[in-house]
């Protein structure tokens, strides 16, 4: 099932991901997506 996320959620999520990768680059992209996705209720594959 395809879910449409609001534009502000997409923007906030991408900003959080960029900040996370800048501040903790050793975690990797997938781990960052998993960590952020847990807080927002979004799967890491979606991010």
PDB file of N, CA and C in Angstrom:
ATOM      1  N   UNK A   1       0.839  -1.178   0.000  1.00  0.00           N
ATOM      2  CA  UNK A   1       0.000   0.000   0.000  1.00  0.00           C
ATOM      3  C   UNK A   1       0.887   1.244   0.000  1.00  0.00           C
ATOM      4  N   UNK A   2       0.611   2.138  -0.880  1.00  0.00           N
ATOM      5  CA  UNK A   2       1.387   3.359  -1.033  1.00  0.00           C
ATOM      6  C   UNK A   2       0.863   4.429  -0.089  1.00  0.00           C
ATOM      7  N   UNK A   3       1.756   5.048   0.675  1.00  0.00           N
ATOM      8  CA  UNK A   3       1.371   6.091   1.608  1.00  0.00           C
ATOM      9  C   UNK A   3       1.948   7.415   1.132  1.00  0.00           C
ATOM     10  N   UNK A   4       1.119   8.436   1.120  1.00  0.00           N
ATOM     11  CA  UNK A   4       1.570   9.777   0.777  1.00  0.00           C
ATOM     12  C   UNK A   4       1.900  10.521   2.061  1.00  0.00           C
ATOM     13  N   UNK A   5       3.118  11.014   2.160  1.00  0.00           N
ATOM     14  CA  UNK A   5       3.539  11.767   3.333  1.00  0.00           C
ATOM     15  C   UNK A   5       3.484  13.253   3.009  1.00  0.00           C
ATOM     16  N   UNK A   6       3.102  14.076   3.985  1.00  0.00           N
ATOM     17  CA  UNK A   6       3.050  15.528   3.748  1.00  0.00           C
ATOM     18  C   UNK A   6       4.429  16.089   3.401  1.00  0.00           C
ATOM     19  N   UNK A   7       4.449  17.143   2.623  1.00  0.00           N
ATOM     20  CA  UNK A   7       5.702  17.752   2.177  1.00  0.00           C
ATOM     21  C   UNK A   7       6.551  18.225   3.352  1.00  0.00           C
ATOM     22  N   UNK A   8       5.920  18.779   4.396  1.00  0.00           N
ATOM     23  CA  UNK A   8       6.690  19.262   5.542  1.00  0.00           C
ATOM     24  C   UNK A   8       7.372  18.119   6.285  1.00  0.00           C
ATOM     25  N   UNK A   9       6.743  16.937   6.317  1.00  0.00           N
ATOM     26  CA  UNK A   9       7.360  15.774   6.941  1.00  0.00           C
ATOM     27  C   UNK A   9       8.570  15.320   6.129  1.00  0.00           C
ATOM     28  N   UNK A  10       8.439  15.323   4.808  1.00  0.00           N
ATOM     29  CA  UNK A  10       9.555  14.958   3.946  1.00  0.00           C
ATOM     30  C   UNK A  10      10.731  15.920   4.143  1.00  0.00           C
ATOM     31  N   UNK A  11      10.441  17.199   4.170  1.00  0.00           N
ATOM     32  CA  UNK A  11      11.482  18.201   4.350  1.00  0.00           C
ATOM     33  C   UNK A  11      12.174  18.054   5.689  1.00  0.00           C
ATOM     34  N   UNK A  12      11.387  17.885   6.757  1.00  0.00           N
ATOM     35  CA  UNK A  12      11.948  17.737   8.100  1.00  0.00           C
ATOM     36  C   UNK A  12      12.790  16.471   8.197  1.00  0.00           C
ATOM     37  N   UNK A  13      12.305  15.400   7.608  1.00  0.00           N
ATOM     38  CA  UNK A  13      13.016  14.124   7.657  1.00  0.00           C
ATOM     39  C   UNK A  13      14.356  14.208   6.934  1.00  0.00           C
ATOM     40  N   UNK A  14      14.361  14.809   5.755  1.00  0.00           N
ATOM     41  CA  UNK A  14      15.611  14.947   5.007  1.00  0.00           C
ATOM     42  C   UNK A  14      16.606  15.842   5.740  1.00  0.00           C
ATOM     43  N   UNK A  15      16.101  16.884   6.408  1.00  0.00           N
ATOM     44  CA  UNK A  15      16.977  17.759   7.188  1.00  0.00           C
ATOM     45  C   UNK A  15      17.587  16.984   8.354  1.00  0.00           C
ATOM     46  N   UNK A  16      16.770  16.179   9.029  1.00  0.00           N
ATOM     47  CA  UNK A  16      17.270  15.374  10.147  1.00  0.00           C
ATOM     48  C   UNK A  16      18.304  14.363   9.656  1.00  0.00           C
ATOM     49  N   UNK A  17      18.045  13.753   8.523  1.00  0.00           N
ATOM     50  CA  UNK A  17      18.983  12.779   7.968  1.00  0.00           C
ATOM     51  C   UNK A  17      20.318  13.439   7.623  1.00  0.00           C
ATOM     52  N   UNK A  18      20.260  14.594   6.976  1.00  0.00           N
ATOM     53  CA  UNK A  18      21.492  15.310   6.627  1.00  0.00           C
ATOM     54  C   UNK A  18      22.265  15.706   7.887  1.00  0.00           C
ATOM     55  N   UNK A  19      21.566  16.204   8.897  1.00  0.00           N
ATOM     56  CA  UNK A  19      22.213  16.584  10.155  1.00  0.00           C
ATOM     57  C   UNK A  19      22.861  15.372  10.825  1.00  0.00           C
ATOM     58  N   UNK A  20      22.139  14.271  10.842  1.00  0.00           N
ATOM     59  CA  UNK A  20      22.655  13.050  11.471  1.00  0.00           C
ATOM     60  C   UNK A  20      23.928  12.578  10.772  1.00  0.00           C
ATOM     61  N   UNK A  21      23.892  12.548   9.445  1.00  0.00           N
ATOM     62  CA  UNK A  21      25.060  12.083   8.689  1.00  0.00           C
ATOM     63  C   UNK A  21      26.240  13.041   8.814  1.00  0.00           C
ATOM     64  N   UNK A  22      25.952  14.325   8.967  1.00  0.00           N
ATOM     65  CA  UNK A  22      27.025  15.302   9.137  1.00  0.00           C
ATOM     66  C   UNK A  22      27.663  15.177  10.521  1.00  0.00           C
ATOM     67  N   UNK A  23      26.839  14.982  11.550  1.00  0.00           N
ATOM     68  CA  UNK A  23      27.326  14.928  12.921  1.00  0.00           C
ATOM     69  C   UNK A  23      27.888  13.557  13.312  1.00  0.00           C
ATOM     70  N   UNK A  24      27.335  12.487  12.730  1.00  0.00           N
ATOM     71  CA  UNK A  24      27.776  11.134  13.069  1.00  0.00           C
ATOM     72  C   UNK A  24      27.951  10.344  11.767  1.00  0.00           C
ATOM     73  N   UNK A  25      28.952  10.691  10.967  1.00  0.00           N
ATOM     74  CA  UNK A  25      29.100  10.060   9.644  1.00  0.00           C
ATOM     75  C   UNK A  25      29.433   8.573   9.695  1.00  0.00           C
ATOM     76  N   UNK A  26      29.991   8.113  10.803  1.00  0.00           N
ATOM     77  CA  UNK A  26      30.385   6.704  10.878  1.00  0.00           C
ATOM     78  C   UNK A  26      29.198   5.744  10.998  1.00  0.00           C
ATOM     79  N   UNK A  27      27.995   6.255  11.261  1.00  0.00           N
ATOM     80  CA  UNK A  27      26.838   5.363  11.402  1.00  0.00           C
ATOM     81  C   UNK A  27      26.379   4.805  10.062  1.00  0.00           C
ATOM     82  N   UNK A  28      26.573   5.518   8.983  1.00  0.00           N
ATOM     83  CA  UNK A  28      26.130   5.058   7.672  1.00  0.00           C
ATOM     84  C   UNK A  28      24.705   5.492   7.381  1.00  0.00           C
ATOM     85  N   UNK A  29      24.368   5.494   6.116  1.00  0.00           N
ATOM     86  CA  UNK A  29      23.072   5.985   5.673  1.00  0.00           C
ATOM     87  C   UNK A  29      21.922   5.112   6.159  1.00  0.00           C
ATOM     88  N   UNK A  30      22.044   3.800   6.019  1.00  0.00           N
ATOM     89  CA  UNK A  30      20.945   2.916   6.425  1.00  0.00           C
ATOM     90  C   UNK A  30      20.664   3.025   7.919  1.00  0.00           C
ATOM     91  N   UNK A  31      21.716   3.041   8.721  1.00  0.00           N
ATOM     92  CA  UNK A  31      21.539   3.143  10.173  1.00  0.00           C
ATOM     93  C   UNK A  31      20.897   4.475  10.536  1.00  0.00           C
ATOM     94  N   UNK A  32      21.311   5.542   9.880  1.00  0.00           N
ATOM     95  CA  UNK A  32      20.707   6.851  10.126  1.00  0.00           C
ATOM     96  C   UNK A  32      19.227   6.826   9.764  1.00  0.00           C
ATOM     97  N   UNK A  33      18.889   6.227   8.637  1.00  0.00           N
ATOM     98  CA  UNK A  33      17.483   6.125   8.229  1.00  0.00           C
ATOM     99  C   UNK A  33      16.683   5.295   9.222  1.00  0.00           C
ATOM    100  N   UNK A  34      17.274   4.225   9.715  1.00  0.00           N
ATOM    101  CA  UNK A  34      16.589   3.379  10.691  1.00  0.00           C
ATOM    102  C   UNK A  34      16.335   4.148  11.982  1.00  0.00           C
ATOM    103  N   UNK A  35      17.350   4.881  12.464  1.00  0.00           N
ATOM    104  CA  UNK A  35      17.203   5.634  13.706  1.00  0.00           C
ATOM    105  C   UNK A  35      16.155   6.742  13.583  1.00  0.00           C
ATOM    106  N   UNK A  36      16.211   7.486  12.508  1.00  0.00           N
ATOM    107  CA  UNK A  36      15.262   8.585  12.305  1.00  0.00           C
ATOM    108  C   UNK A  36      13.870   8.029  12.044  1.00  0.00           C
ATOM    109  N   UNK A  37      13.782   6.978  11.250  1.00  0.00           N
ATOM    110  CA  UNK A  37      12.492   6.373  10.938  1.00  0.00           C
ATOM    111  C   UNK A  37      11.761   5.857  12.161  1.00  0.00           C
ATOM    112  N   UNK A  38      12.508   5.323  13.136  1.00  0.00           N
ATOM    113  CA  UNK A  38      11.879   4.845  14.373  1.00  0.00           C
ATOM    114  C   UNK A  38      11.135   5.964  15.083  1.00  0.00           C
ATOM    115  N   UNK A  39      11.734   7.140  15.113  1.00  0.00           N
ATOM    116  CA  UNK A  39      11.126   8.274  15.807  1.00  0.00           C
ATOM    117  C   UNK A  39       9.917   8.828  15.055  1.00  0.00           C
ATOM    118  N   UNK A  40       9.912   8.670  13.736  1.00  0.00           N
ATOM    119  CA  UNK A  40       8.838   9.253  12.932  1.00  0.00           C
ATOM    120  C   UNK A  40       7.799   8.235  12.483  1.00  0.00           C
ATOM    121  N   UNK A  41       8.048   6.965  12.749  1.00  0.00           N
ATOM    122  CA  UNK A  41       7.108   5.935  12.325  1.00  0.00           C
ATOM    123  C   UNK A  41       7.184   5.633  10.847  1.00  0.00           C
ATOM    124  N   UNK A  42       8.368   5.789  10.277  1.00  0.00           N
ATOM    125  CA  UNK A  42       8.588   5.541   8.856  1.00  0.00           C
ATOM    126  C   UNK A  42       9.669   4.472   8.724  1.00  0.00           C
ATOM    127  N   UNK A  43       9.472   3.512   7.859  1.00  0.00           N
ATOM    128  CA  UNK A  43      10.449   2.449   7.663  1.00  0.00           C
ATOM    129  C   UNK A  43      11.722   2.985   7.016  1.00  0.00           C
ATOM    130  N   UNK A  44      12.872   2.388   7.351  1.00  0.00           N
ATOM    131  CA  UNK A  44      14.147   2.864   6.781  1.00  0.00           C
ATOM    132  C   UNK A  44      14.206   2.711   5.255  1.00  0.00           C
ATOM    133  N   UNK A  45      13.534   1.721   4.719  1.00  0.00           N
ATOM    134  CA  UNK A  45      13.525   1.548   3.274  1.00  0.00           C
ATOM    135  C   UNK A  45      12.786   2.689   2.589  1.00  0.00           C
ATOM    136  N   UNK A  46      11.777   3.228   3.241  1.00  0.00           N
ATOM    137  CA  UNK A  46      11.036   4.349   2.691  1.00  0.00           C
ATOM    138  C   UNK A  46      11.892   5.601   2.668  1.00  0.00           C
ATOM    139  N   UNK A  47      12.675   5.784   3.723  1.00  0.00           N
ATOM    140  CA  UNK A  47      13.548   6.956   3.774  1.00  0.00           C
ATOM    141  C   UNK A  47      14.643   6.823   2.748  1.00  0.00           C
TER     142      UNK A  47
END
